């Protein structure tokens, strides 16, 4: 991989290779995956990470058809059916007829599912805050800038646009 110029903050730049960027992101991802696993286990040890990811997608995008959820998760529609069967049994999502087309099934977060997402997010936020408190003050602006750039490169919405809420009531 080549070398590219990467801005570290609004006032400084250094040469950083693409390999160094990938290595740094992989290291950070290990930290964040560990936080994700710990925060989910602390709140509900019966929900898997793939199931939680489906809940997060529904929390951020609102009710979806099964094929839309499968696409958002990057999995096969038949896998989505099995995943949703488990989430329905746990009363975390509700499957129902689409308001637009009664032949289509829509999946939406239940209030119980929303509470789970909120609790895990709060725990994750606290864990990340504890880690971030150890980032030296002189590195904070560069850290924020780099993480925003990574989020934008991945088309991840910022927190203000993240949750759309739930639709409907718990069955």
Protein backbone atom coordinates (compact mmCIF):
# COMPACT_ATOMS: atom_id res chain seq x y z
CA UNK A 1 0.00 0.00 0.00
CA UNK A 2 1.13 3.50 -0.67
CA UNK A 3 1.75 6.39 1.65
CA UNK A 4 -0.90 9.03 2.00
CA UNK A 5 -1.10 12.38 3.73
CA UNK A 6 -3.51 12.19 6.68
CA UNK A 7 -4.66 15.22 8.65
CA UNK A 8 -4.40 14.60 12.39
CA UNK A 9 -6.07 17.85 13.42
CA UNK A 10 -6.96 21.21 11.92
CA UNK A 11 -3.39 22.50 12.25
CA UNK A 12 -1.04 19.55 11.64
CA UNK A 13 -0.37 16.80 9.11
CA UNK A 14 2.06 13.89 8.98
CA UNK A 15 2.85 11.15 6.52
CA UNK A 16 1.13 7.92 7.51
CA UNK A 17 1.06 4.77 5.39
CA UNK A 18 -2.20 3.03 4.57
CA UNK A 19 -0.86 -0.01 6.45
CA UNK A 20 -0.37 2.09 9.60
CA UNK A 21 -3.93 3.40 9.29
CA UNK A 22 -5.31 -0.13 8.89
CA UNK A 23 -3.25 -1.40 11.83
CA UNK A 24 -4.47 1.46 14.05
CA UNK A 25 -8.10 0.88 13.07
CA UNK A 26 -7.77 -2.86 13.71
CA UNK A 27 -6.34 -2.17 17.15
CA UNK A 28 -9.15 0.26 17.95
CA UNK A 29 -11.72 -2.21 16.62
CA UNK A 30 -10.45 -4.88 19.04
CA UNK A 31 -10.98 -2.44 21.90
CA UNK A 32 -14.46 -1.50 20.69
CA UNK A 33 -15.53 -5.10 20.06
CA UNK A 34 -14.45 -5.97 23.60
CA UNK A 35 -16.50 -3.04 24.92
CA UNK A 36 -19.49 -4.18 22.82
CA UNK A 37 -19.29 -7.75 24.12
CA UNK A 38 -18.89 -6.66 27.74
CA UNK A 39 -21.70 -4.10 27.59
CA UNK A 40 -24.14 -6.56 26.03
CA UNK A 41 -23.22 -9.35 28.47
CA UNK A 42 -23.65 -6.99 31.42
CA UNK A 43 -27.20 -6.11 30.35
CA UNK A 44 -28.49 -9.35 28.80
CA UNK A 45 -26.42 -12.50 28.40
CA UNK A 46 -29.16 -14.18 26.34
CA UNK A 47 -28.86 -11.85 23.31
CA UNK A 48 -26.07 -12.53 20.79
CA UNK A 49 -24.08 -9.80 19.04
CA UNK A 50 -25.80 -10.52 15.68
CA UNK A 51 -29.20 -10.27 17.39
CA UNK A 52 -28.16 -7.05 19.09
CA UNK A 53 -26.97 -5.64 15.77
CA UNK A 54 -30.45 -6.28 14.32
CA UNK A 55 -31.98 -4.43 17.26
CA UNK A 56 -29.63 -1.50 16.70
CA UNK A 57 -30.51 -1.37 12.99
CA UNK A 58 -34.22 -1.32 13.85
CA UNK A 59 -33.63 1.34 16.50
CA UNK A 60 -31.77 3.54 14.04
CA UNK A 61 -33.88 2.97 10.92
CA UNK A 62 -37.31 2.18 12.32
CA UNK A 63 -39.55 -0.66 11.12
CA UNK A 64 -38.17 -2.60 8.14
CA UNK A 65 -39.29 -5.37 5.83
CA UNK A 66 -37.35 -8.60 6.36
CA UNK A 67 -35.39 -8.19 3.13
CA UNK A 68 -34.45 -4.62 4.10
CA UNK A 69 -33.20 -5.82 7.48
CA UNK A 70 -31.22 -8.61 5.80
CA UNK A 71 -29.63 -6.08 3.46
CA UNK A 72 -28.80 -3.70 6.31
CA UNK A 73 -27.18 -6.56 8.24
CA UNK A 74 -25.43 -7.99 5.18
CA UNK A 75 -26.93 -11.45 5.67
CA UNK A 76 -29.13 -13.83 3.66
CA UNK A 77 -32.90 -13.31 4.08
CA UNK A 78 -33.34 -16.85 5.44
CA UNK A 79 -30.85 -16.03 8.19
CA UNK A 80 -32.88 -12.93 8.98
CA UNK A 81 -36.00 -15.06 9.39
CA UNK A 82 -34.29 -17.30 11.94
CA UNK A 83 -32.73 -14.34 13.73
CA UNK A 84 -36.12 -12.60 13.94
CA UNK A 85 -37.81 -15.79 15.16
CA UNK A 86 -35.45 -15.71 18.15
CA UNK A 87 -35.99 -11.99 18.76
CA UNK A 88 -39.79 -12.39 18.55
CA UNK A 89 -39.61 -15.24 21.09
CA UNK A 90 -37.66 -12.90 23.42
CA UNK A 91 -40.29 -10.17 22.80
CA UNK A 92 -37.61 -7.78 21.52
CA UNK A 93 -39.16 -7.31 18.05
CA UNK A 94 -42.65 -7.62 16.63
CA UNK A 95 -43.48 -8.98 13.18
CA UNK A 96 -46.63 -7.70 11.56
CA UNK A 97 -48.27 -6.76 8.29
CA UNK A 98 -46.87 -3.78 6.48
CA UNK A 99 -49.19 -0.77 6.50
CA UNK A 100 -48.37 -0.21 2.82
CA UNK A 101 -48.80 -3.80 1.63
CA UNK A 102 -50.55 -6.47 3.68
CA UNK A 103 -48.56 -9.21 1.89
CA UNK A 104 -45.31 -7.84 3.29
CA UNK A 105 -44.07 -8.46 6.81
CA UNK A 106 -42.59 -5.59 8.77
CA UNK A 107 -40.25 -6.03 11.71
CA UNK A 108 -40.18 -3.39 14.42
CA UNK A 109 -38.55 -2.93 17.78
CA UNK A 110 -40.78 -3.47 20.81
CA UNK A 111 -40.51 -1.25 23.88
CA UNK A 112 -38.60 -4.10 25.58
CA UNK A 113 -36.18 -4.19 22.62
CA UNK A 114 -35.73 -0.42 22.79
CA UNK A 115 -35.02 -0.59 26.53
CA UNK A 116 -32.36 -3.23 25.85
CA UNK A 117 -30.69 -1.10 23.16
CA UNK A 118 -30.80 1.95 25.44
CA UNK A 119 -29.32 0.03 28.39
CA UNK A 120 -26.52 -1.50 26.33
CA UNK A 121 -25.78 1.88 24.73
CA UNK A 122 -25.60 3.55 28.15
CA UNK A 123 -23.23 0.85 29.40
CA UNK A 124 -21.12 1.09 26.25
CA UNK A 125 -20.99 4.88 26.56
CA UNK A 126 -19.76 4.61 30.17
CA UNK A 127 -17.10 2.04 29.23
CA UNK A 128 -15.88 4.17 26.32
CA UNK A 129 -15.84 7.29 28.53
CA UNK A 130 -13.56 5.47 30.96
CA UNK A 131 -11.20 4.55 28.11
CA UNK A 132 -11.36 8.04 26.58
CA UNK A 133 -10.45 9.58 29.93
CA UNK A 134 -7.04 7.91 29.51
CA UNK A 135 -6.37 9.61 26.16
CA UNK A 136 -3.84 12.40 26.78
CA UNK A 137 -5.32 15.90 26.43
CA UNK A 138 -2.93 16.75 23.59
CA UNK A 139 -4.26 13.74 21.57
CA UNK A 140 -8.00 14.31 22.08
CA UNK A 141 -8.65 16.62 19.10
CA UNK A 142 -6.79 14.28 16.76
CA UNK A 143 -8.68 11.29 18.17
CA UNK A 144 -12.07 12.94 17.67
CA UNK A 145 -11.12 14.06 14.17
CA UNK A 146 -9.86 10.60 13.16
CA UNK A 147 -12.90 8.79 14.55
CA UNK A 148 -15.32 11.19 12.83
CA UNK A 149 -13.43 10.66 9.56
CA UNK A 150 -13.68 6.88 10.01
CA UNK A 151 -17.42 7.10 10.74
CA UNK A 152 -17.99 9.25 7.66
CA UNK A 153 -15.92 6.92 5.48
CA UNK A 154 -18.15 4.04 6.64
CA UNK A 155 -21.36 6.08 6.12
CA UNK A 156 -22.25 5.67 9.79
CA UNK A 157 -24.75 8.28 10.99
CA UNK A 158 -23.75 10.47 13.93
CA UNK A 159 -25.48 10.04 17.26
CA UNK A 160 -27.94 12.89 16.69
CA UNK A 161 -29.40 11.07 13.66
CA UNK A 162 -29.14 7.59 15.09
CA UNK A 163 -32.35 6.62 16.88
CA UNK A 164 -35.71 7.03 15.18
CA UNK A 165 -37.62 5.43 18.03
CA UNK A 166 -40.07 2.56 18.02
CA UNK A 167 -43.27 2.04 16.14
CA UNK A 168 -46.14 0.34 17.86
CA UNK A 169 -46.61 -1.22 21.22
CA UNK A 170 -45.28 -4.33 22.86
CA UNK A 171 -47.45 -7.31 21.95
